[in-house]
Amino acid sequence: MARMNKPKTIDVHTHLQVTKPVEGIKEEYKYHVSQAIKNSEKRITDMDESGIDVQALSIASHVQPPFLEFSPNISRSYNDMIAEVVKAHPDRFVGLATVPLQNPRAAANELDRTMKQLGFRGTEIGTSVNGKNLDSPELWPFYEKAQELNAFIFVHPTNVQGAERMPKYHLANLIGNPSATSLAIASLIFGGVLENFPRLKFCFAHAGGFAPYQRGRFEHGYQVRTECKEKIKKPPSEYFKLLYFDTITHYEPALTFLIKSVDSYHVLLGSDYPADMADFDPVSSVEGLKTISSIEKKRILWNNAAKLLRIVPYE
């Protein structure tokens, strides 16, 4: 049961851990579903200990490629697994679909299926698709469907650029992940995706990578470089207003800056559970902030995600 004596909380950045595709052998699929449901019992215990009432579940992005390049049916199997976990605990979980973006029309169809038939609230996508940025015109059919469905789109880094130069010190995660997210944000802004689909609801992992802290550079580039105006009619700051970010900074001044920069209506609680790079106490990361009001904390902890995920009527 959800906690009744504290502010409600929704964690938009959590993952089901899957080590390999589950399509094919029926009994193997049943095993994966059984294990996912079994593991959800510990997940709920951990949620209660860290003050999380509801989690949005997505598949860990590192298992998506190359599997999804070979078969859209694998994403369907993953999504059916998520649906079983949500069905077992509907008051604690909502689903975010895995979609085969290598085939944008198939991805649009799977998003449609999961939201209309399984009750999912949106999808998780990577920061690139087959080496192409998120402004690739090939993705337009998917964006059209996502906007039509009012889908929440959680963007998580995968296949980070320059990883071959970061084999040591876990830098492919420490530097590569936020870099990939920053490139995704810049591509969506300068590539005209938000110009053409202004009602899309993108939320970015790890507090948006480096992009929120370099937005002034985006703005200046738009003013002095013609290349930055090729596909957009307004300055980048106008498109930044359409974006959302989770709270994972691991550094209070950075989180404070993010909230001040994009405002509290565009920040959502995130943990990255159960990864070792997670914020292990995300609620305290927000509740401990001395620079924002209790009303702003409520927005970040519950209201913003509740609106975007359609969990409860938004106040």
C-alpha atoms as a PDB file:
ATOM      1  CA  MET A   1       0.000   0.000   0.000  1.00  0.00           C
ATOM      2  CA  ALA A   2       1.127   3.541  -0.675  1.00  0.00           C
ATOM      3  CA  ARG A   3       2.322   5.519   2.326  1.00  0.00           C
ATOM      4  CA  MET A   4      -0.436   7.722   3.714  1.00  0.00           C
ATOM      5  CA  ASN A   5       1.496   9.793   6.284  1.00  0.00           C
ATOM      6  CA  LYS A   6       3.998  11.456   3.924  1.00  0.00           C
ATOM      7  CA  PRO A   7       3.845  13.292   0.618  1.00  0.00           C
ATOM      8  CA  LYS A   8       3.238  10.933  -2.282  1.00  0.00           C
ATOM      9  CA  THR A   9       6.133  10.218  -4.593  1.00  0.00           C
ATOM     10  CA  ILE A  10       6.536   8.938  -8.171  1.00  0.00           C
ATOM     11  CA  ASP A  11       9.901   7.712  -9.438  1.00  0.00           C
ATOM     12  CA  VAL A  12      10.019   8.012 -13.237  1.00  0.00           C
ATOM     13  CA  HIS A  13      13.475   6.471 -13.719  1.00  0.00           C
ATOM     14  CA  THR A  14      13.568   2.788 -12.749  1.00  0.00           C
ATOM     15  CA  HIS A  15      14.381  -0.366 -14.673  1.00  0.00           C
ATOM     16  CA  LEU A  16      13.468  -4.016 -14.815  1.00  0.00           C
ATOM     17  CA  GLN A  17      16.700  -5.947 -15.192  1.00  0.00           C
ATOM     18  CA  VAL A  18      16.570  -8.390 -18.107  1.00  0.00           C
ATOM     19  CA  THR A  19      19.707 -10.198 -19.262  1.00  0.00           C
ATOM     20  CA  LYS A  20      18.518 -11.582 -22.605  1.00  0.00           C
ATOM     21  CA  PRO A  21      15.518 -11.608 -24.947  1.00  0.00           C
ATOM     22  CA  VAL A  22      12.478 -13.547 -23.765  1.00  0.00           C
ATOM     23  CA  GLU A  23      10.762 -14.194 -27.092  1.00  0.00           C
ATOM     24  CA  GLY A  24      10.700 -17.679 -28.574  1.00  0.00           C
ATOM     25  CA  ILE A  25      10.425 -20.502 -26.059  1.00  0.00           C
ATOM     26  CA  LYS A  26       7.152 -20.168 -24.227  1.00  0.00           C
ATOM     27  CA  GLU A  27       8.356 -21.779 -21.007  1.00  0.00           C
ATOM     28  CA  GLU A  28      11.420 -19.507 -20.949  1.00  0.00           C
ATOM     29  CA  TYR A  29       9.153 -16.484 -21.286  1.00  0.00           C
ATOM     30  CA  LYS A  30       7.021 -17.729 -18.392  1.00  0.00           C
ATOM     31  CA  TYR A  31      10.173 -18.088 -16.297  1.00  0.00           C
ATOM     32  CA  HIS A  32      11.222 -14.510 -17.003  1.00  0.00           C
ATOM     33  CA  VAL A  33       7.756 -13.209 -16.101  1.00  0.00           C
ATOM     34  CA  SER A  34       7.704 -15.268 -12.914  1.00  0.00           C
ATOM     35  CA  GLN A  35      11.130 -13.960 -11.900  1.00  0.00           C
ATOM     36  CA  ALA A  36      10.159 -10.366 -12.674  1.00  0.00           C
ATOM     37  CA  ILE A  37       7.053 -10.631 -10.495  1.00  0.00           C
ATOM     38  CA  LYS A  38       9.024 -12.357  -7.736  1.00  0.00           C
ATOM     39  CA  ASN A  39      11.707  -9.676  -7.834  1.00  0.00           C
ATOM     40  CA  SER A  40       9.039  -7.000  -7.616  1.00  0.00           C
ATOM     41  CA  GLU A  41       8.380  -8.028  -4.003  1.00  0.00           C
ATOM     42  CA  LYS A  42      11.896  -6.943  -3.002  1.00  0.00           C
ATOM     43  CA  ARG A  43      11.500  -3.892  -5.218  1.00  0.00           C
ATOM     44  CA  ILE A  44       8.430  -2.847  -3.250  1.00  0.00           C
ATOM     45  CA  THR A  45      10.294  -3.337   0.029  1.00  0.00           C
ATOM     46  CA  ASP A  46      13.076  -1.110  -1.273  1.00  0.00           C
ATOM     47  CA  MET A  47      10.524   1.431  -2.452  1.00  0.00           C
ATOM     48  CA  ASP A  48       8.947   1.574   0.994  1.00  0.00           C
ATOM     49  CA  GLU A  49      12.337   2.017   2.643  1.00  0.00           C
ATOM     50  CA  SER A  50      13.265   4.895   0.338  1.00  0.00           C
ATOM     51  CA  GLY A  51       9.842   6.554   0.410  1.00  0.00           C
ATOM     52  CA  ILE A  52       8.716   5.769  -3.140  1.00  0.00           C
ATOM     53  CA  ASP A  53       5.007   5.174  -3.661  1.00  0.00           C
ATOM     54  CA  VAL A  54       4.928   4.554  -7.433  1.00  0.00           C
ATOM     55  CA  GLN A  55       7.589   3.541  -9.960  1.00  0.00           C
ATOM     56  CA  ALA A  56       7.465   3.891 -13.731  1.00  0.00           C
ATOM     57  CA  LEU A  57       8.983   0.650 -15.039  1.00  0.00           C
ATOM     58  CA  SER A  58      11.131   0.432 -18.158  1.00  0.00           C
ATOM     59  CA  ILE A  59      13.627  -2.103 -19.458  1.00  0.00           C
ATOM     60  CA  ALA A  60      17.261  -1.239 -18.762  1.00  0.00           C
ATOM     61  CA  SER A  61      18.503   0.420 -21.939  1.00  0.00           C
ATOM     62  CA  HIS A  62      21.725  -1.577 -22.157  1.00  0.00           C
ATOM     63  CA  VAL A  63      19.813  -4.738 -23.072  1.00  0.00           C
ATOM     64  CA  GLN A  64      17.930  -3.135 -25.958  1.00  0.00           C
ATOM     65  CA  PRO A  65      20.603  -3.094 -28.673  1.00  0.00           C
ATOM     66  CA  PRO A  66      21.324  -5.141 -30.631  1.00  0.00           C
ATOM     67  CA  PHE A  67      18.304  -7.298 -29.773  1.00  0.00           C
ATOM     68  CA  LEU A  68      15.697  -4.835 -30.992  1.00  0.00           C
ATOM     69  CA  GLU A  69      17.509  -4.407 -34.280  1.00  0.00           C
ATOM     70  CA  PHE A  70      16.714  -8.007 -35.107  1.00  0.00           C
ATOM     71  CA  SER A  71      13.112  -8.442 -34.002  1.00  0.00           C
ATOM     72  CA  PRO A  72      10.330  -6.039 -32.990  1.00  0.00           C
ATOM     73  CA  ASN A  73       8.706  -9.064 -31.338  1.00  0.00           C
ATOM     74  CA  ILE A  74      11.287  -8.873 -28.572  1.00  0.00           C
ATOM     75  CA  SER A  75      10.019  -5.458 -27.514  1.00  0.00           C
ATOM     76  CA  ARG A  76       6.521  -6.925 -27.431  1.00  0.00           C
ATOM     77  CA  SER A  77       7.728  -9.681 -25.098  1.00  0.00           C
ATOM     78  CA  TYR A  78       9.447  -7.176 -22.844  1.00  0.00           C
ATOM     79  CA  ASN A  79       6.314  -5.060 -22.703  1.00  0.00           C
ATOM     80  CA  ASP A  80       4.102  -8.012 -21.896  1.00  0.00           C
ATOM     81  CA  MET A  81       6.468  -8.788 -19.030  1.00  0.00           C
ATOM     82  CA  ILE A  82       6.208  -5.242 -17.691  1.00  0.00           C
ATOM     83  CA  ALA A  83       2.431  -5.472 -18.003  1.00  0.00           C
ATOM     84  CA  GLU A  84       2.384  -8.611 -15.827  1.00  0.00           C
ATOM     85  CA  VAL A  85       4.365  -6.871 -13.093  1.00  0.00           C
ATOM     86  CA  VAL A  86       2.072  -3.836 -13.227  1.00  0.00           C
ATOM     87  CA  LYS A  87      -0.967  -6.111 -13.136  1.00  0.00           C
ATOM     88  CA  ALA A  88       0.361  -7.811 -10.004  1.00  0.00           C
ATOM     89  CA  HIS A  89       0.859  -4.455  -8.232  1.00  0.00           C
ATOM     90  CA  PRO A  90      -1.267  -1.831  -9.990  1.00  0.00           C
ATOM     91  CA  ASP A  91      -1.056   0.627  -7.091  1.00  0.00           C
ATOM     92  CA  ARG A  92       2.756   0.652  -7.161  1.00  0.00           C
ATOM     93  CA  PHE A  93       3.789   0.490 -10.814  1.00  0.00           C
ATOM     94  CA  VAL A  94       3.018   1.956 -14.229  1.00  0.00           C
ATOM     95  CA  GLY A  95       4.563   0.778 -17.474  1.00  0.00           C
ATOM     96  CA  LEU A  96       6.803   2.508 -20.016  1.00  0.00           C
ATOM     97  CA  ALA A  97       7.083   0.590 -23.273  1.00  0.00           C
ATOM     98  CA  THR A  98      10.176  -0.595 -25.058  1.00  0.00           C
ATOM     99  CA  VAL A  99       9.755   0.104 -28.778  1.00  0.00           C
ATOM    100  CA  PRO A 100      11.830  -0.979 -31.820  1.00  0.00           C
ATOM    101  CA  LEU A 101      12.822   2.458 -33.065  1.00  0.00           C
ATOM    102  CA  GLN A 102      14.955   0.865 -35.787  1.00  0.00           C
ATOM    103  CA  ASN A 103      11.560   0.405 -37.439  1.00  0.00           C
ATOM    104  CA  PRO A 104       9.687   3.626 -36.575  1.00  0.00           C
ATOM    105  CA  ARG A 105       6.311   2.473 -37.871  1.00  0.00           C
ATOM    106  CA  ALA A 106       6.570  -0.765 -35.916  1.00  0.00           C
ATOM    107  CA  ALA A 107       7.575   1.317 -32.903  1.00  0.00           C
ATOM    108  CA  ALA A 108       4.499   3.504 -33.377  1.00  0.00           C
ATOM    109  CA  ASN A 109       2.294   0.419 -33.568  1.00  0.00           C
ATOM    110  CA  GLU A 110       3.809  -1.080 -30.423  1.00  0.00           C
ATOM    111  CA  LEU A 111       3.405   2.176 -28.541  1.00  0.00           C
ATOM    112  CA  ASP A 112      -0.227   2.263 -29.650  1.00  0.00           C
ATOM    113  CA  ARG A 113      -0.762  -1.337 -28.480  1.00  0.00           C
ATOM    114  CA  THR A 114       0.846  -0.880 -25.086  1.00  0.00           C
ATOM    115  CA  MET A 115      -0.965   2.340 -24.276  1.00  0.00           C
ATOM    116  CA  LYS A 116      -4.404   1.299 -25.533  1.00  0.00           C
ATOM    117  CA  GLN A 117      -4.407  -2.387 -24.589  1.00  0.00           C
ATOM    118  CA  LEU A 118      -1.985  -2.629 -21.658  1.00  0.00           C
ATOM    119  CA  GLY A 119      -2.562   0.755 -20.051  1.00  0.00           C
ATOM    120  CA  PHE A 120       1.033   1.955 -20.378  1.00  0.00           C
ATOM    121  CA  ARG A 121       1.673   5.664 -19.956  1.00  0.00           C
ATOM    122  CA  GLY A 122       4.453   6.134 -22.487  1.00  0.00           C
ATOM    123  CA  THR A 123       7.804   4.749 -23.547  1.00  0.00           C
ATOM    124  CA  GLU A 124      11.528   4.734 -22.886  1.00  0.00           C
ATOM    125  CA  ILE A 125      13.774   5.396 -25.865  1.00  0.00           C
ATOM    126  CA  GLY A 126      17.527   5.669 -26.312  1.00  0.00           C
ATOM    127  CA  THR A 127      19.531   8.757 -27.204  1.00  0.00           C
ATOM    128  CA  SER A 128      20.251   7.489 -30.721  1.00  0.00           C
ATOM    129  CA  VAL A 129      18.946   4.894 -33.172  1.00  0.00           C
ATOM    130  CA  ASN A 130      21.338   2.835 -35.277  1.00  0.00           C
ATOM    131  CA  GLY A 131      23.939   5.568 -34.967  1.00  0.00           C
ATOM    132  CA  LYS A 132      21.514   8.314 -36.014  1.00  0.00           C
ATOM    133  CA  ASN A 133      20.453  11.209 -33.806  1.00  0.00           C
ATOM    134  CA  LEU A 134      16.880  11.720 -32.651  1.00  0.00           C
ATOM    135  CA  ASP A 135      16.210  14.365 -35.307  1.00  0.00           C
ATOM    136  CA  SER A 136      16.369  11.742 -38.070  1.00  0.00           C
ATOM    137  CA  PRO A 137      13.356  12.284 -40.390  1.00  0.00           C
ATOM    138  CA  GLU A 138      12.839   8.519 -40.347  1.00  0.00           C
ATOM    139  CA  LEU A 139      11.501   8.869 -36.800  1.00  0.00           C
ATOM    140  CA  TRP A 140       8.680  11.254 -37.746  1.00  0.00           C
ATOM    141  CA  PRO A 141       5.972   8.509 -37.882  1.00  0.00           C
ATOM    142  CA  PHE A 142       6.866   7.511 -34.328  1.00  0.00           C
ATOM    143  CA  TYR A 143       6.760  11.103 -33.096  1.00  0.00           C
ATOM    144  CA  GLU A 144       3.393  11.616 -34.769  1.00  0.00           C
ATOM    145  CA  LYS A 145       1.949   8.611 -32.936  1.00  0.00           C
ATOM    146  CA  ALA A 146       3.537   9.581 -29.606  1.00  0.00           C
ATOM    147  CA  GLN A 147       2.056  13.065 -29.833  1.00  0.00           C
ATOM    148  CA  GLU A 148      -1.332  11.664 -30.832  1.00  0.00           C
ATOM    149  CA  LEU A 149      -1.303   9.337 -27.804  1.00  0.00           C
ATOM    150  CA  ASN A 150      -0.047  12.033 -25.415  1.00  0.00           C
ATOM    151  CA  ALA A 151       2.749   9.635 -24.496  1.00  0.00           C
ATOM    152  CA  PHE A 152       5.397  10.325 -21.885  1.00  0.00           C
ATOM    153  CA  ILE A 153       8.809   9.756 -23.526  1.00  0.00           C
ATOM    154  CA  PHE A 154      11.660   8.963 -21.160  1.00  0.00           C
ATOM    155  CA  VAL A 155      15.032   9.353 -22.899  1.00  0.00           C
ATOM    156  CA  HIS A 156      17.868   7.241 -21.513  1.00  0.00           C
ATOM    157  CA  PRO A 157      21.448   7.176 -22.850  1.00  0.00           C
ATOM    158  CA  THR A 158      22.569   4.180 -24.869  1.00  0.00           C
ATOM    159  CA  ASN A 159      25.301   3.530 -27.439  1.00  0.00           C
ATOM    160  CA  VAL A 160      27.223   6.589 -26.255  1.00  0.00           C
ATOM    161  CA  GLN A 161      29.396   8.381 -28.769  1.00  0.00           C
ATOM    162  CA  GLY A 162      33.144   8.212 -28.213  1.00  0.00           C
ATOM    163  CA  ALA A 163      32.922   5.173 -25.937  1.00  0.00           C
ATOM    164  CA  GLU A 164      36.104   3.780 -27.506  1.00  0.00           C
ATOM    165  CA  ARG A 165      37.999   6.639 -25.861  1.00  0.00           C
ATOM    166  CA  MET A 166      36.508   5.930 -22.444  1.00  0.00           C
ATOM    167  CA  PRO A 167      37.310   2.309 -21.623  1.00  0.00           C
ATOM    168  CA  LYS A 168      38.751   3.138 -18.189  1.00  0.00           C
ATOM    169  CA  TYR A 169      37.406   4.471 -14.908  1.00  0.00           C
ATOM    170  CA  HIS A 170      33.762   3.858 -15.869  1.00  0.00           C
ATOM    171  CA  LEU A 171      33.970   7.028 -17.964  1.00  0.00           C
ATOM    172  CA  ALA A 172      31.607   5.633 -20.611  1.00  0.00           C
ATOM    173  CA  ASN A 173      28.968   6.080 -17.915  1.00  0.00           C
ATOM    174  CA  LEU A 174      30.330   9.058 -15.987  1.00  0.00           C
ATOM    175  CA  ILE A 175      31.031  11.146 -19.101  1.00  0.00           C
ATOM    176  CA  GLY A 176      29.527   9.188 -21.986  1.00  0.00           C
ATOM    177  CA  ASN A 177      25.983   8.958 -20.637  1.00  0.00           C
ATOM    178  CA  PRO A 178      25.492  12.674 -19.956  1.00  0.00           C
ATOM    179  CA  SER A 179      27.204  13.503 -23.250  1.00  0.00           C
ATOM    180  CA  ALA A 180      24.811  11.248 -25.172  1.00  0.00           C
ATOM    181  CA  THR A 181      21.834  12.831 -23.434  1.00  0.00           C
ATOM    182  CA  SER A 182      23.119  16.325 -24.222  1.00  0.00           C
ATOM    183  CA  LEU A 183      23.491  15.424 -27.889  1.00  0.00           C
ATOM    184  CA  ALA A 184      19.946  14.043 -27.909  1.00  0.00           C
ATOM    185  CA  ILE A 185      18.560  17.266 -26.452  1.00  0.00           C
ATOM    186  CA  ALA A 186      20.466  19.427 -28.920  1.00  0.00           C
ATOM    187  CA  SER A 187      19.303  17.253 -31.822  1.00  0.00           C
ATOM    188  CA  LEU A 188      15.653  17.510 -30.789  1.00  0.00           C
ATOM    189  CA  ILE A 189      15.912  21.285 -30.436  1.00  0.00           C
ATOM    190  CA  PHE A 190      18.046  22.273 -33.426  1.00  0.00           C
ATOM    191  CA  GLY A 191      16.759  19.447 -35.615  1.00  0.00           C
ATOM    192  CA  GLY A 192      13.210  20.789 -35.537  1.00  0.00           C
ATOM    193  CA  VAL A 193      11.541  17.887 -33.726  1.00  0.00           C
ATOM    194  CA  LEU A 194      10.018  20.176 -31.117  1.00  0.00           C
ATOM    195  CA  GLU A 195       9.231  22.729 -33.827  1.00  0.00           C
ATOM    196  CA  ASN A 196       7.116  20.108 -35.611  1.00  0.00           C
ATOM    197  CA  PHE A 197       5.812  18.234 -32.564  1.00  0.00           C
ATOM    198  CA  PRO A 198       5.470  20.811 -29.773  1.00  0.00           C
ATOM    199  CA  ARG A 199       3.176  18.609 -27.668  1.00  0.00           C
ATOM    200  CA  LEU A 200       5.696  15.791 -27.278  1.00  0.00           C
ATOM    201  CA  LYS A 201       6.613  15.184 -23.635  1.00  0.00           C
ATOM    202  CA  PHE A 202      10.303  14.312 -23.411  1.00  0.00           C
ATOM    203  CA  CYS A 203      11.889  13.671 -20.021  1.00  0.00           C
ATOM    204  CA  PHE A 204      15.659  13.183 -19.860  1.00  0.00           C
ATOM    205  CA  ALA A 205      17.616  10.901 -17.556  1.00  0.00           C
ATOM    206  CA  HIS A 206      20.383  12.089 -15.246  1.00  0.00           C
ATOM    207  CA  ALA A 207      19.086  15.661 -15.062  1.00  0.00           C
ATOM    208  CA  GLY A 208      19.542  16.210 -18.802  1.00  0.00           C
ATOM    209  CA  GLY A 209      23.245  15.441 -18.933  1.00  0.00           C
ATOM    210  CA  PHE A 210      25.249  18.601 -19.584  1.00  0.00           C
ATOM    211  CA  ALA A 211      22.627  20.399 -21.674  1.00  0.00           C
ATOM    212  CA  PRO A 212      20.807  22.415 -18.958  1.00  0.00           C
ATOM    213  CA  TYR A 213      24.135  23.816 -17.833  1.00  0.00           C
ATOM    214  CA  GLN A 214      25.218  24.795 -21.364  1.00  0.00           C
ATOM    215  CA  ARG A 215      21.914  26.171 -22.593  1.00  0.00           C
ATOM    216  CA  GLY A 216      23.423  29.645 -22.753  1.00  0.00           C
ATOM    217  CA  ARG A 217      25.873  28.292 -25.315  1.00  0.00           C
ATOM    218  CA  PHE A 218      22.948  26.956 -27.361  1.00  0.00           C
ATOM    219  CA  GLU A 219      21.309  30.369 -27.179  1.00  0.00           C
ATOM    220  CA  HIS A 220      24.447  32.244 -28.176  1.00  0.00           C
ATOM    221  CA  GLY A 221      25.063  29.864 -31.068  1.00  0.00           C
ATOM    222  CA  TYR A 222      21.574  30.546 -32.370  1.00  0.00           C
ATOM    223  CA  GLN A 223      22.278  34.271 -32.329  1.00  0.00           C
ATOM    224  CA  VAL A 224      25.608  34.150 -34.184  1.00  0.00           C
ATOM    225  CA  ARG A 225      25.565  31.026 -36.398  1.00  0.00           C
ATOM    226  CA  THR A 226      23.307  30.497 -39.399  1.00  0.00           C
ATOM    227  CA  GLU A 227      23.584  26.702 -39.057  1.00  0.00           C
ATOM    228  CA  CYS A 228      21.645  26.870 -35.803  1.00  0.00           C
ATOM    229  CA  LYS A 229      18.660  28.492 -37.553  1.00  0.00           C
ATOM    230  CA  GLU A 230      18.306  25.954 -40.366  1.00  0.00           C
ATOM    231  CA  LYS A 231      15.326  24.087 -38.916  1.00  0.00           C
ATOM    232  CA  ILE A 232      13.953  26.181 -36.068  1.00  0.00           C
ATOM    233  CA  LYS A 233      12.147  29.512 -36.024  1.00  0.00           C
ATOM    234  CA  LYS A 234      12.680  30.428 -32.365  1.00  0.00           C
ATOM    235  CA  PRO A 235      15.691  30.558 -30.035  1.00  0.00           C
ATOM    236  CA  PRO A 236      16.600  27.291 -28.247  1.00  0.00           C
ATOM    237  CA  SER A 237      15.344  28.671 -24.937  1.00  0.00           C
ATOM    238  CA  GLU A 238      11.788  28.506 -26.286  1.00  0.00           C
ATOM    239  CA  TYR A 239      12.126  24.754 -26.908  1.00  0.00           C
ATOM    240  CA  PHE A 240      13.813  24.139 -23.583  1.00  0.00           C
ATOM    241  CA  LYS A 241      10.499  25.162 -22.033  1.00  0.00           C
ATOM    242  CA  LEU A 242       8.936  22.014 -23.491  1.00  0.00           C
ATOM    243  CA  LEU A 243      11.380  19.571 -21.863  1.00  0.00           C
ATOM    244  CA  TYR A 244      11.419  17.679 -18.557  1.00  0.00           C
ATOM    245  CA  PHE A 245      14.301  16.333 -16.480  1.00  0.00           C
ATOM    246  CA  ASP A 246      14.764  13.839 -13.666  1.00  0.00           C
ATOM    247  CA  THR A 247      16.514  14.737 -10.411  1.00  0.00           C
ATOM    248  CA  ILE A 248      19.617  12.533 -10.641  1.00  0.00           C
ATOM    249  CA  THR A 249      22.576  14.872 -10.176  1.00  0.00           C
ATOM    250  CA  HIS A 250      24.261  13.390  -7.066  1.00  0.00           C
ATOM    251  CA  TYR A 251      25.104  16.992  -6.150  1.00  0.00           C
ATOM    252  CA  GLU A 252      22.755  19.378  -4.382  1.00  0.00           C
ATOM    253  CA  PRO A 253      24.008  22.612  -6.024  1.00  0.00           C
ATOM    254  CA  ALA A 254      23.510  21.048  -9.469  1.00  0.00           C
ATOM    255  CA  LEU A 255      19.952  19.998  -8.622  1.00  0.00           C
ATOM    256  CA  THR A 256      19.248  23.443  -7.218  1.00  0.00           C
ATOM    257  CA  PHE A 257      20.540  25.029 -10.432  1.00  0.00           C
ATOM    258  CA  LEU A 258      18.469  22.679 -12.592  1.00  0.00           C
ATOM    259  CA  ILE A 259      15.261  23.587 -10.758  1.00  0.00           C
ATOM    260  CA  LYS A 260      16.062  27.287 -10.946  1.00  0.00           C
ATOM    261  CA  SER A 261      16.952  27.028 -14.634  1.00  0.00           C
ATOM    262  CA  VAL A 262      13.994  25.028 -15.968  1.00  0.00           C
ATOM    263  CA  ASP A 263      11.564  25.721 -13.054  1.00  0.00           C
ATOM    264  CA  SER A 264      10.010  23.210 -10.673  1.00  0.00           C
ATOM    265  CA  TYR A 265       7.206  22.304 -13.106  1.00  0.00           C
ATOM    266  CA  HIS A 266       9.740  20.561 -15.359  1.00  0.00           C
ATOM    267  CA  VAL A 267      11.666  18.416 -12.862  1.00  0.00           C
ATOM    268  CA  LEU A 268      10.547  14.904 -11.902  1.00  0.00           C
ATOM    269  CA  LEU A 269      11.800  12.546  -9.228  1.00  0.00           C
ATOM    270  CA  GLY A 270      14.167   9.860 -10.513  1.00  0.00           C
ATOM    271  CA  SER A 271      16.423   7.243  -8.929  1.00  0.00           C
ATOM    272  CA  ASP A 272      17.812   4.862 -11.622  1.00  0.00           C
ATOM    273  CA  TYR A 273      16.872   1.928  -9.383  1.00  0.00           C
ATOM    274  CA  PRO A 274      18.370  -0.703  -9.147  1.00  0.00           C
ATOM    275  CA  ALA A 275      21.633   0.413 -10.812  1.00  0.00           C
ATOM    276  CA  ASP A 276      24.751   1.082  -8.749  1.00  0.00           C
ATOM    277  CA  MET A 277      24.818   4.602 -10.220  1.00  0.00           C
ATOM    278  CA  ALA A 278      21.383   5.285  -8.750  1.00  0.00           C
ATOM    279  CA  ASP A 279      20.438   7.959  -6.263  1.00  0.00           C
ATOM    280  CA  PHE A 280      19.782   5.628  -3.341  1.00  0.00           C
ATOM    281  CA  ASP A 281      17.723   8.195  -1.431  1.00  0.00           C
ATOM    282  CA  PRO A 282      16.056  10.350  -4.095  1.00  0.00           C
ATOM    283  CA  VAL A 283      13.225  11.601  -1.914  1.00  0.00           C
ATOM    284  CA  SER A 284      15.684  13.040   0.588  1.00  0.00           C
ATOM    285  CA  SER A 285      17.596  14.628  -2.291  1.00  0.00           C
ATOM    286  CA  VAL A 286      14.485  16.716  -2.963  1.00  0.00           C
ATOM    287  CA  GLU A 287      13.064  17.124   0.512  1.00  0.00           C
ATOM    288  CA  GLY A 288      16.458  18.265   1.802  1.00  0.00           C
ATOM    289  CA  LEU A 289      16.665  21.227  -0.577  1.00  0.00           C
ATOM    290  CA  LYS A 290      16.562  24.503   1.329  1.00  0.00           C
ATOM    291  CA  THR A 291      16.188  26.724  -1.730  1.00  0.00           C
ATOM    292  CA  ILE A 292      12.698  25.649  -2.863  1.00  0.00           C
ATOM    293  CA  SER A 293       9.297  25.717  -1.218  1.00  0.00           C
ATOM    294  CA  SER A 294       7.207  22.783   0.004  1.00  0.00           C
ATOM    295  CA  ILE A 295       4.843  23.392  -2.911  1.00  0.00           C
ATOM    296  CA  GLU A 296       7.717  23.084  -5.373  1.00  0.00           C
ATOM    297  CA  LYS A 297       8.867  19.883  -3.666  1.00  0.00           C
ATOM    298  CA  LYS A 298       5.382  18.426  -4.023  1.00  0.00           C
ATOM    299  CA  ARG A 299       5.448  19.180  -7.739  1.00  0.00           C
ATOM    300  CA  ILE A 300       8.768  17.387  -8.170  1.00  0.00           C
ATOM    301  CA  LEU A 301       7.899  14.441  -5.937  1.00  0.00           C
ATOM    302  CA  TRP A 302       4.397  13.776  -7.286  1.00  0.00           C
ATOM    303  CA  ASN A 303       2.384  16.346  -9.187  1.00  0.00           C
ATOM    304  CA  ASN A 304       4.497  16.762 -12.315  1.00  0.00           C
ATOM    305  CA  ALA A 305       4.780  13.030 -12.937  1.00  0.00           C
ATOM    306  CA  ALA A 306       1.152  12.469 -11.975  1.00  0.00           C
ATOM    307  CA  LYS A 307       0.104  14.863 -14.721  1.00  0.00           C
ATOM    308  CA  LEU A 308       2.429  13.446 -17.370  1.00  0.00           C
ATOM    309  CA  LEU A 309       1.709   9.807 -16.508  1.00  0.00           C
ATOM    310  CA  ARG A 310      -1.989  10.397 -15.855  1.00  0.00           C
ATOM    311  CA  ILE A 311      -1.862   8.632 -12.499  1.00  0.00           C
ATOM    312  CA  VAL A 312      -4.247  10.945 -10.636  1.00  0.00           C
ATOM    313  CA  PRO A 313      -6.001  14.205 -11.514  1.00  0.00           C
ATOM    314  CA  TYR A 314      -3.410  16.944 -11.520  1.00  0.00           C
ATOM    315  CA  GLU A 315      -3.816  19.608  -8.866  1.00  0.00           C
END
